[in-house]
Amino acid sequence: MTAHPTDTPEHEFDFTPGPPLADPSRPPTSARTLEPILRGLNEAQRTAVTHAAGPLLIVAGAGTGKTTVITRRIAWLVASRLARANEILALTFTDKAAREMEERVDTLLPYGYTDLHISTFHSFGYQLLREHALEAGLTTDLRVLSRPQQIILLTRHIFELPLDIYRPLGDPTA
């Protein structure tokens, strides 16, 4: 059941998944197509990869196969035609992890799926700002500051920021 804007507060969303997206140019998905994606997974991993009822949060310790589950889930969503490659965004913290995820998904999917968006949070945020700078009220010549540049900027403008609680109570040089 979809909520109507008049009876739902603005901060609530309906996460009910829509119907699967059929791509008429691709043959129907068969169990044979999905089997390699699910091969070698334990029951909990298989359940996470094939989850179909709305959002999914994966919480697990180091070395438990989180990256495997996420990459296989991406491949499963595309192979089972529940999502198109260009509708998937996978974000991670490091460049190394993003490259590893791209490589794993690439080996699981057939050729031609180049529209996947796998990157770091930082890279995605920077790309988003560059593409929509004007809409965000920013100039188009954005650049990322290095650590020394950040320190210089903050040193020059620290007292212009609304940080009254952090201001020193007195001036030791006066």
N, C-alpha and C. Protein backbone atom coordinates (compact mmCIF):
# COMPACT_ATOMS: atom_id res chain seq x y z
N MET A 1 0.85 -1.17 0.00
CA MET A 1 0.00 0.00 0.00
C MET A 1 0.88 1.23 0.00
N THR A 2 0.65 2.12 -0.91
CA THR A 2 1.44 3.34 -1.01
C THR A 2 0.77 4.45 -0.22
N ALA A 3 1.55 5.15 0.57
CA ALA A 3 0.99 6.25 1.36
C ALA A 3 0.78 7.47 0.47
N HIS A 4 -0.27 8.20 0.76
CA HIS A 4 -0.54 9.43 0.01
C HIS A 4 0.09 10.60 0.73
N PRO A 5 0.55 11.63 0.00
CA PRO A 5 1.23 12.77 0.63
C PRO A 5 0.38 13.45 1.70
N THR A 6 -0.93 13.41 1.59
CA THR A 6 -1.78 14.11 2.54
C THR A 6 -1.88 13.40 3.88
N ASP A 7 -1.67 12.09 3.92
CA ASP A 7 -1.78 11.39 5.19
C ASP A 7 -0.46 10.82 5.69
N THR A 8 0.66 11.27 5.15
CA THR A 8 1.97 10.83 5.59
C THR A 8 2.84 12.05 5.85
N PRO A 9 3.48 12.13 7.04
CA PRO A 9 4.40 13.25 7.28
C PRO A 9 5.51 13.26 6.23
N GLU A 10 6.09 14.43 5.99
CA GLU A 10 7.11 14.58 4.96
C GLU A 10 8.33 13.69 5.18
N HIS A 11 8.67 13.39 6.43
CA HIS A 11 9.89 12.64 6.71
C HIS A 11 9.71 11.12 6.61
N GLU A 12 8.52 10.64 6.31
CA GLU A 12 8.31 9.22 6.15
C GLU A 12 8.28 8.85 4.67
N PHE A 13 8.82 7.68 4.36
CA PHE A 13 8.88 7.24 2.98
C PHE A 13 8.30 5.84 2.87
N ASP A 14 7.81 5.51 1.71
CA ASP A 14 7.30 4.18 1.44
C ASP A 14 8.40 3.41 0.72
N PHE A 15 8.94 2.37 1.35
CA PHE A 15 10.02 1.60 0.77
C PHE A 15 9.53 0.33 0.08
N THR A 16 8.26 0.26 -0.24
CA THR A 16 7.72 -0.92 -0.90
C THR A 16 8.35 -1.04 -2.28
N PRO A 17 9.01 -2.17 -2.57
CA PRO A 17 9.63 -2.29 -3.88
C PRO A 17 8.59 -2.36 -4.99
N GLY A 18 8.91 -1.77 -6.11
CA GLY A 18 8.02 -1.81 -7.26
C GLY A 18 8.17 -3.13 -7.99
N PRO A 19 7.47 -3.27 -9.09
CA PRO A 19 7.57 -4.52 -9.85
C PRO A 19 8.96 -4.65 -10.47
N PRO A 20 9.42 -5.87 -10.70
CA PRO A 20 10.72 -6.06 -11.33
C PRO A 20 10.77 -5.36 -12.68
N LEU A 21 11.93 -4.82 -13.00
CA LEU A 21 12.11 -4.14 -14.28
C LEU A 21 12.46 -5.17 -15.34
N ALA A 22 11.61 -5.33 -16.29
CA ALA A 22 11.86 -6.28 -17.36
C ALA A 22 12.63 -5.60 -18.47
N ASP A 23 13.64 -6.25 -18.95
CA ASP A 23 14.42 -5.74 -20.07
C ASP A 23 14.15 -6.67 -21.24
N PRO A 24 13.29 -6.23 -22.19
CA PRO A 24 12.89 -7.13 -23.28
C PRO A 24 14.05 -7.57 -24.16
N SER A 25 15.19 -6.87 -24.11
CA SER A 25 16.31 -7.26 -24.95
C SER A 25 17.09 -8.44 -24.36
N ARG A 26 16.81 -8.79 -23.10
CA ARG A 26 17.51 -9.90 -22.46
C ARG A 26 16.58 -11.09 -22.30
N PRO A 27 17.11 -12.30 -22.45
CA PRO A 27 16.28 -13.49 -22.27
C PRO A 27 15.86 -13.61 -20.82
N PRO A 28 14.79 -14.36 -20.55
CA PRO A 28 14.35 -14.54 -19.17
C PRO A 28 15.46 -15.14 -18.30
N THR A 29 15.47 -14.76 -17.04
CA THR A 29 16.47 -15.26 -16.11
C THR A 29 16.18 -16.72 -15.79
N SER A 30 17.20 -17.52 -15.79
CA SER A 30 17.03 -18.93 -15.45
C SER A 30 17.83 -19.22 -14.18
N ALA A 31 17.51 -20.32 -13.56
CA ALA A 31 18.25 -20.73 -12.36
C ALA A 31 19.72 -20.93 -12.70
N ARG A 32 19.99 -21.35 -13.94
CA ARG A 32 21.37 -21.55 -14.38
C ARG A 32 22.15 -20.24 -14.39
N THR A 33 21.46 -19.13 -14.72
CA THR A 33 22.11 -17.83 -14.76
C THR A 33 22.45 -17.36 -13.36
N LEU A 34 21.57 -17.63 -12.40
CA LEU A 34 21.76 -17.15 -11.03
C LEU A 34 22.62 -18.09 -10.18
N GLU A 35 22.72 -19.35 -10.54
CA GLU A 35 23.47 -20.32 -9.74
C GLU A 35 24.91 -19.91 -9.48
N PRO A 36 25.68 -19.47 -10.48
CA PRO A 36 27.07 -19.09 -10.19
C PRO A 36 27.18 -17.93 -9.19
N ILE A 37 26.19 -17.07 -9.16
CA ILE A 37 26.20 -15.94 -8.24
C ILE A 37 26.00 -16.43 -6.80
N LEU A 38 25.19 -17.45 -6.63
CA LEU A 38 24.88 -17.95 -5.28
C LEU A 38 25.80 -19.07 -4.81
N ARG A 39 26.62 -19.60 -5.71
CA ARG A 39 27.49 -20.74 -5.39
C ARG A 39 28.49 -20.37 -4.29
N GLY A 40 28.60 -21.26 -3.31
CA GLY A 40 29.60 -21.09 -2.26
C GLY A 40 29.18 -20.22 -1.09
N LEU A 41 27.95 -19.72 -1.11
CA LEU A 41 27.48 -18.88 0.00
C LEU A 41 26.85 -19.73 1.09
N ASN A 42 27.04 -19.32 2.34
CA ASN A 42 26.34 -20.02 3.42
C ASN A 42 24.89 -19.52 3.45
N GLU A 43 24.07 -20.09 4.32
CA GLU A 43 22.63 -19.78 4.33
C GLU A 43 22.35 -18.31 4.63
N ALA A 44 23.05 -17.73 5.59
CA ALA A 44 22.84 -16.32 5.94
C ALA A 44 23.23 -15.41 4.77
N GLN A 45 24.35 -15.73 4.13
CA GLN A 45 24.79 -14.94 2.97
C GLN A 45 23.80 -15.06 1.82
N ARG A 46 23.34 -16.27 1.56
CA ARG A 46 22.38 -16.50 0.48
C ARG A 46 21.09 -15.73 0.73
N THR A 47 20.64 -15.70 1.99
CA THR A 47 19.43 -14.96 2.35
C THR A 47 19.62 -13.47 2.10
N ALA A 48 20.79 -12.95 2.45
CA ALA A 48 21.06 -11.52 2.24
C ALA A 48 21.15 -11.19 0.75
N VAL A 49 21.80 -12.05 -0.02
CA VAL A 49 21.96 -11.79 -1.45
C VAL A 49 20.62 -11.81 -2.17
N THR A 50 19.72 -12.70 -1.79
CA THR A 50 18.44 -12.84 -2.49
C THR A 50 17.30 -12.07 -1.83
N HIS A 51 17.59 -11.27 -0.81
CA HIS A 51 16.57 -10.47 -0.12
C HIS A 51 15.82 -9.61 -1.13
N ALA A 52 14.49 -9.59 -1.04
CA ALA A 52 13.72 -8.86 -2.04
C ALA A 52 12.70 -7.90 -1.45
N ALA A 53 12.54 -7.83 -0.15
CA ALA A 53 11.46 -7.03 0.44
C ALA A 53 11.97 -5.74 1.05
N GLY A 54 12.39 -4.79 0.24
CA GLY A 54 12.78 -3.48 0.74
C GLY A 54 14.25 -3.39 1.13
N PRO A 55 14.60 -2.35 1.90
CA PRO A 55 15.99 -2.10 2.28
C PRO A 55 16.58 -3.25 3.11
N LEU A 56 17.90 -3.34 3.08
CA LEU A 56 18.59 -4.40 3.80
C LEU A 56 19.85 -3.81 4.43
N LEU A 57 20.05 -4.06 5.71
CA LEU A 57 21.25 -3.63 6.42
C LEU A 57 22.05 -4.87 6.76
N ILE A 58 23.33 -4.85 6.39
CA ILE A 58 24.20 -5.98 6.68
C ILE A 58 25.20 -5.55 7.75
N VAL A 59 25.16 -6.22 8.89
CA VAL A 59 26.08 -5.93 9.99
C VAL A 59 26.81 -7.22 10.29
N ALA A 60 28.14 -7.19 10.17
CA ALA A 60 28.93 -8.39 10.41
C ALA A 60 30.36 -7.99 10.74
N GLY A 61 31.07 -8.88 11.38
CA GLY A 61 32.45 -8.61 11.77
C GLY A 61 33.41 -8.75 10.60
N ALA A 62 34.67 -8.48 10.91
CA ALA A 62 35.73 -8.56 9.90
C ALA A 62 35.88 -10.00 9.40
N GLY A 63 36.08 -10.14 8.10
CA GLY A 63 36.33 -11.45 7.52
C GLY A 63 35.14 -12.37 7.43
N THR A 64 33.92 -11.82 7.55
CA THR A 64 32.73 -12.67 7.50
C THR A 64 32.08 -12.72 6.13
N GLY A 65 32.63 -11.98 5.16
CA GLY A 65 32.10 -12.04 3.81
C GLY A 65 31.16 -10.92 3.43
N LYS A 66 31.27 -9.75 4.08
CA LYS A 66 30.39 -8.62 3.74
C LYS A 66 30.58 -8.18 2.29
N THR A 67 31.83 -8.04 1.87
CA THR A 67 32.08 -7.61 0.49
C THR A 67 31.57 -8.65 -0.49
N THR A 68 31.73 -9.91 -0.17
CA THR A 68 31.21 -10.98 -1.02
C THR A 68 29.70 -10.86 -1.14
N VAL A 69 29.02 -10.66 -0.01
CA VAL A 69 27.56 -10.54 -0.03
C VAL A 69 27.13 -9.33 -0.85
N ILE A 70 27.78 -8.21 -0.66
CA ILE A 70 27.37 -6.98 -1.38
C ILE A 70 27.61 -7.13 -2.87
N THR A 71 28.77 -7.66 -3.26
CA THR A 71 29.04 -7.80 -4.70
C THR A 71 28.12 -8.84 -5.33
N ARG A 72 27.85 -9.91 -4.64
CA ARG A 72 26.94 -10.92 -5.18
C ARG A 72 25.51 -10.39 -5.23
N ARG A 73 25.15 -9.57 -4.26
CA ARG A 73 23.80 -8.97 -4.28
C ARG A 73 23.65 -8.07 -5.50
N ILE A 74 24.66 -7.27 -5.78
CA ILE A 74 24.61 -6.40 -6.96
C ILE A 74 24.43 -7.26 -8.21
N ALA A 75 25.24 -8.30 -8.33
CA ALA A 75 25.14 -9.18 -9.50
C ALA A 75 23.78 -9.86 -9.56
N TRP A 76 23.26 -10.29 -8.41
CA TRP A 76 21.96 -10.97 -8.37
C TRP A 76 20.84 -10.02 -8.78
N LEU A 77 20.88 -8.78 -8.29
CA LEU A 77 19.84 -7.80 -8.66
C LEU A 77 19.82 -7.55 -10.17
N VAL A 78 21.01 -7.45 -10.76
CA VAL A 78 21.10 -7.20 -12.21
C VAL A 78 20.71 -8.45 -12.99
N ALA A 79 21.26 -9.61 -12.60
CA ALA A 79 20.99 -10.85 -13.33
C ALA A 79 19.53 -11.27 -13.24
N SER A 80 18.89 -11.00 -12.10
CA SER A 80 17.49 -11.37 -11.96
C SER A 80 16.55 -10.27 -12.45
N ARG A 81 17.12 -9.21 -12.98
CA ARG A 81 16.39 -8.07 -13.56
C ARG A 81 15.50 -7.35 -12.54
N LEU A 82 15.92 -7.35 -11.28
CA LEU A 82 15.21 -6.56 -10.27
C LEU A 82 15.69 -5.11 -10.28
N ALA A 83 16.86 -4.89 -10.90
CA ALA A 83 17.40 -3.53 -11.05
C ALA A 83 18.30 -3.52 -12.27
N ARG A 84 18.38 -2.37 -12.89
CA ARG A 84 19.32 -2.18 -13.99
C ARG A 84 20.66 -1.76 -13.40
N ALA A 85 21.72 -2.01 -14.12
CA ALA A 85 23.05 -1.67 -13.63
C ALA A 85 23.17 -0.19 -13.30
N ASN A 86 22.56 0.67 -14.10
CA ASN A 86 22.69 2.12 -13.86
C ASN A 86 21.80 2.61 -12.71
N GLU A 87 21.06 1.72 -12.07
CA GLU A 87 20.24 2.08 -10.92
C GLU A 87 20.88 1.68 -9.59
N ILE A 88 22.08 1.13 -9.65
CA ILE A 88 22.75 0.64 -8.45
C ILE A 88 23.91 1.56 -8.11
N LEU A 89 23.98 1.94 -6.84
CA LEU A 89 25.07 2.75 -6.32
C LEU A 89 25.66 2.00 -5.13
N ALA A 90 26.94 1.66 -5.21
CA ALA A 90 27.63 0.98 -4.11
C ALA A 90 28.76 1.89 -3.65
N LEU A 91 28.74 2.24 -2.36
CA LEU A 91 29.75 3.13 -1.80
C LEU A 91 30.53 2.43 -0.71
N THR A 92 31.82 2.72 -0.65
CA THR A 92 32.69 2.15 0.36
C THR A 92 33.64 3.22 0.84
N PHE A 93 34.49 2.89 1.80
CA PHE A 93 35.35 3.90 2.40
C PHE A 93 36.69 4.09 1.71
N THR A 94 37.22 3.05 1.10
CA THR A 94 38.57 3.16 0.52
C THR A 94 38.57 2.88 -0.98
N ASP A 95 39.56 3.46 -1.66
CA ASP A 95 39.72 3.21 -3.10
C ASP A 95 39.98 1.73 -3.36
N LYS A 96 40.78 1.11 -2.47
CA LYS A 96 41.10 -0.31 -2.64
C LYS A 96 39.83 -1.16 -2.58
N ALA A 97 38.95 -0.88 -1.62
CA ALA A 97 37.71 -1.65 -1.51
C ALA A 97 36.80 -1.42 -2.71
N ALA A 98 36.75 -0.18 -3.20
CA ALA A 98 35.92 0.12 -4.38
C ALA A 98 36.43 -0.63 -5.60
N ARG A 99 37.76 -0.64 -5.79
CA ARG A 99 38.34 -1.38 -6.93
C ARG A 99 38.05 -2.88 -6.81
N GLU A 100 38.18 -3.41 -5.59
CA GLU A 100 37.92 -4.83 -5.37
C GLU A 100 36.47 -5.18 -5.66
N MET A 101 35.54 -4.32 -5.23
CA MET A 101 34.13 -4.57 -5.50
C MET A 101 33.86 -4.53 -7.00
N GLU A 102 34.43 -3.55 -7.69
CA GLU A 102 34.25 -3.47 -9.15
C GLU A 102 34.74 -4.73 -9.83
N GLU A 103 35.92 -5.20 -9.44
CA GLU A 103 36.50 -6.40 -10.06
C GLU A 103 35.62 -7.63 -9.81
N ARG A 104 35.13 -7.77 -8.58
CA ARG A 104 34.30 -8.93 -8.25
C ARG A 104 32.98 -8.91 -9.01
N VAL A 105 32.34 -7.75 -9.07
CA VAL A 105 31.07 -7.66 -9.80
C VAL A 105 31.32 -7.91 -11.29
N ASP A 106 32.42 -7.38 -11.80
CA ASP A 106 32.75 -7.56 -13.21
C ASP A 106 32.91 -9.03 -13.57
N THR A 107 33.49 -9.82 -12.67
CA THR A 107 33.66 -11.24 -12.98
C THR A 107 32.35 -12.02 -12.85
N LEU A 108 31.39 -11.50 -12.08
CA LEU A 108 30.12 -12.20 -11.89
C LEU A 108 29.10 -11.92 -12.99
N LEU A 109 29.19 -10.74 -13.60
CA LEU A 109 28.21 -10.35 -14.62
C LEU A 109 28.77 -10.56 -16.02
N PRO A 110 27.89 -10.81 -16.97
CA PRO A 110 28.36 -10.92 -18.36
C PRO A 110 28.83 -9.56 -18.86
N TYR A 111 29.50 -9.58 -20.00
CA TYR A 111 30.00 -8.33 -20.58
C TYR A 111 28.86 -7.35 -20.83
N GLY A 112 29.19 -6.07 -20.79
CA GLY A 112 28.22 -5.05 -21.15
C GLY A 112 27.61 -4.30 -19.99
N TYR A 113 27.96 -4.64 -18.76
CA TYR A 113 27.42 -3.93 -17.60
C TYR A 113 28.43 -2.91 -17.10
N THR A 114 28.52 -1.81 -17.83
CA THR A 114 29.51 -0.79 -17.47
C THR A 114 28.88 0.39 -16.75
N ASP A 115 27.58 0.37 -16.55
CA ASP A 115 26.90 1.51 -15.93
C ASP A 115 26.80 1.41 -14.42
N LEU A 116 27.46 0.44 -13.80
CA LEU A 116 27.44 0.32 -12.35
C LEU A 116 28.21 1.49 -11.74
N HIS A 117 27.71 1.98 -10.61
CA HIS A 117 28.37 3.08 -9.92
C HIS A 117 28.93 2.54 -8.60
N ILE A 118 30.23 2.23 -8.61
CA ILE A 118 30.91 1.75 -7.41
C ILE A 118 32.07 2.69 -7.15
N SER A 119 32.05 3.36 -6.00
CA SER A 119 33.12 4.29 -5.67
C SER A 119 33.19 4.50 -4.17
N THR A 120 34.05 5.42 -3.76
CA THR A 120 34.14 5.76 -2.34
C THR A 120 33.11 6.85 -2.04
N PHE A 121 32.78 7.00 -0.76
CA PHE A 121 31.87 8.07 -0.35
C PHE A 121 32.44 9.42 -0.79
N HIS A 122 33.74 9.61 -0.57
CA HIS A 122 34.39 10.87 -0.91
C HIS A 122 34.32 11.16 -2.41
N SER A 123 34.65 10.17 -3.21
CA SER A 123 34.63 10.34 -4.66
C SER A 123 33.22 10.62 -5.17
N PHE A 124 32.24 9.90 -4.63
CA PHE A 124 30.85 10.11 -5.04
C PHE A 124 30.39 11.51 -4.66
N GLY A 125 30.69 11.93 -3.44
CA GLY A 125 30.30 13.27 -2.99
C GLY A 125 30.93 14.35 -3.85
N TYR A 126 32.21 14.18 -4.17
CA TYR A 126 32.91 15.16 -5.01
C TYR A 126 32.30 15.21 -6.41
N GLN A 127 32.00 14.04 -6.98
CA GLN A 127 31.38 13.98 -8.31
C GLN A 127 30.00 14.65 -8.29
N LEU A 128 29.24 14.39 -7.25
CA LEU A 128 27.91 14.98 -7.10
C LEU A 128 27.99 16.51 -7.03
N LEU A 129 28.94 17.01 -6.24
CA LEU A 129 29.12 18.46 -6.13
C LEU A 129 29.57 19.08 -7.46
N ARG A 130 30.49 18.40 -8.15
CA ARG A 130 30.94 18.94 -9.45
C ARG A 130 29.80 19.00 -10.45
N GLU A 131 28.99 17.93 -10.50
CA GLU A 131 27.91 17.88 -11.48
C GLU A 131 26.76 18.82 -11.15
N HIS A 132 26.56 19.13 -9.88
CA HIS A 132 25.42 19.94 -9.47
C HIS A 132 25.83 21.18 -8.69
N ALA A 133 27.02 21.70 -8.98
CA ALA A 133 27.56 22.84 -8.24
C ALA A 133 26.64 24.05 -8.33
N LEU A 134 26.20 24.38 -9.50
CA LEU A 134 25.36 25.56 -9.68
C LEU A 134 24.04 25.43 -8.93
N GLU A 135 23.45 24.24 -8.98
CA GLU A 135 22.19 24.01 -8.27
C GLU A 135 22.37 24.10 -6.76
N ALA A 136 23.59 23.82 -6.27
CA ALA A 136 23.87 23.89 -4.83
C ALA A 136 24.35 25.28 -4.42
N GLY A 137 24.40 26.20 -5.40
CA GLY A 137 24.84 27.55 -5.10
C GLY A 137 26.35 27.69 -5.00
N LEU A 138 27.08 26.77 -5.62
CA LEU A 138 28.54 26.78 -5.59
C LEU A 138 29.08 27.14 -6.96
N THR A 139 30.35 27.51 -7.00
CA THR A 139 30.99 27.77 -8.29
C THR A 139 31.37 26.44 -8.92
N THR A 140 31.61 26.45 -10.21
CA THR A 140 31.93 25.20 -10.92
C THR A 140 33.41 24.84 -10.82
N ASP A 141 34.24 25.70 -10.24
CA ASP A 141 35.67 25.41 -10.13
C ASP A 141 36.02 24.83 -8.75
N LEU A 142 35.26 23.83 -8.34
CA LEU A 142 35.49 23.17 -7.05
C LEU A 142 36.82 22.45 -7.05
N ARG A 143 37.44 22.37 -5.88
CA ARG A 143 38.63 21.55 -5.74
C ARG A 143 38.71 21.07 -4.30
N VAL A 144 39.34 19.94 -4.12
CA VAL A 144 39.51 19.37 -2.80
C VAL A 144 40.78 19.95 -2.20
N LEU A 145 40.67 20.41 -0.95
CA LEU A 145 41.83 20.98 -0.28
C LEU A 145 42.70 19.89 0.33
N SER A 146 44.01 20.08 0.24
CA SER A 146 44.93 19.15 0.90
C SER A 146 44.87 19.43 2.40
N ARG A 147 45.45 18.56 3.19
CA ARG A 147 45.45 18.74 4.64
C ARG A 147 46.08 20.08 5.05
N PRO A 148 47.26 20.44 4.52
CA PRO A 148 47.82 21.75 4.88
C PRO A 148 46.92 22.92 4.47
N GLN A 149 46.28 22.81 3.31
CA GLN A 149 45.37 23.87 2.87
C GLN A 149 44.17 23.98 3.79
N GLN A 150 43.68 22.86 4.30
CA GLN A 150 42.56 22.87 5.25
C GLN A 150 42.95 23.61 6.53
N ILE A 151 44.15 23.33 7.04
CA ILE A 151 44.61 23.96 8.27
C ILE A 151 44.77 25.46 8.08
N ILE A 152 45.35 25.86 6.96
CA ILE A 152 45.52 27.29 6.67
C ILE A 152 44.15 27.98 6.59
N LEU A 153 43.21 27.37 5.89
CA LEU A 153 41.87 27.94 5.74
C LEU A 153 41.20 28.11 7.11
N LEU A 154 41.24 27.07 7.92
CA LEU A 154 40.62 27.15 9.24
C LEU A 154 41.32 28.16 10.15
N THR A 155 42.63 28.21 10.09
CA THR A 155 43.37 29.17 10.91
C THR A 155 42.98 30.60 10.57
N ARG A 156 42.83 30.88 9.30
CA ARG A 156 42.47 32.24 8.85
C ARG A 156 41.03 32.61 9.18
N HIS A 157 40.14 31.63 9.22
CA HIS A 157 38.71 31.95 9.34
C HIS A 157 38.03 31.37 10.59
N ILE A 158 38.79 30.85 11.54
CA ILE A 158 38.21 30.18 12.70
C ILE A 158 37.25 31.07 13.48
N PHE A 159 37.57 32.35 13.61
CA PHE A 159 36.73 33.23 14.43
C PHE A 159 35.49 33.74 13.69
N GLU A 160 35.40 33.42 12.40
CA GLU A 160 34.21 33.77 11.62
C GLU A 160 33.15 32.67 11.72
N LEU A 161 33.54 31.51 12.21
CA LEU A 161 32.62 30.38 12.31
C LEU A 161 31.78 30.50 13.58
N PRO A 162 30.53 30.02 13.55
CA PRO A 162 29.66 30.10 14.73
C PRO A 162 30.00 29.02 15.78
N LEU A 163 31.18 29.16 16.38
CA LEU A 163 31.66 28.17 17.33
C LEU A 163 31.89 28.81 18.70
N ASP A 164 30.95 29.59 19.17
CA ASP A 164 31.12 30.33 20.42
C ASP A 164 31.50 29.44 21.60
N ILE A 165 30.97 28.25 21.67
CA ILE A 165 31.27 27.36 22.78
C ILE A 165 32.73 26.94 22.83
N TYR A 166 33.41 26.99 21.69
CA TYR A 166 34.80 26.57 21.62
C TYR A 166 35.79 27.74 21.71
N ARG A 167 35.29 28.96 21.76
CA ARG A 167 36.19 30.13 21.79
C ARG A 167 36.93 30.19 23.13
N PRO A 168 38.16 30.65 23.10
CA PRO A 168 38.90 30.79 24.35
C PRO A 168 38.26 31.86 25.23
N LEU A 169 38.34 31.68 26.53
CA LEU A 169 37.73 32.64 27.46
C LEU A 169 38.55 33.92 27.56
N GLY A 170 39.79 33.86 27.24
CA GLY A 170 40.63 35.06 27.30
C GLY A 170 41.70 35.01 26.23
N ASP A 171 42.38 36.12 26.06
CA ASP A 171 43.45 36.22 25.07
C ASP A 171 44.78 36.23 25.84
N PRO A 172 45.55 35.17 25.77
CA PRO A 172 46.80 35.10 26.54
C PRO A 172 47.84 36.10 26.07
N THR A 173 47.69 36.68 24.88
CA THR A 173 48.68 37.66 24.40
C THR A 173 48.32 39.08 24.80
N ALA A 174 47.15 39.32 25.41
CA ALA A 174 46.75 40.68 25.75
C ALA A 174 47.27 41.11 27.10
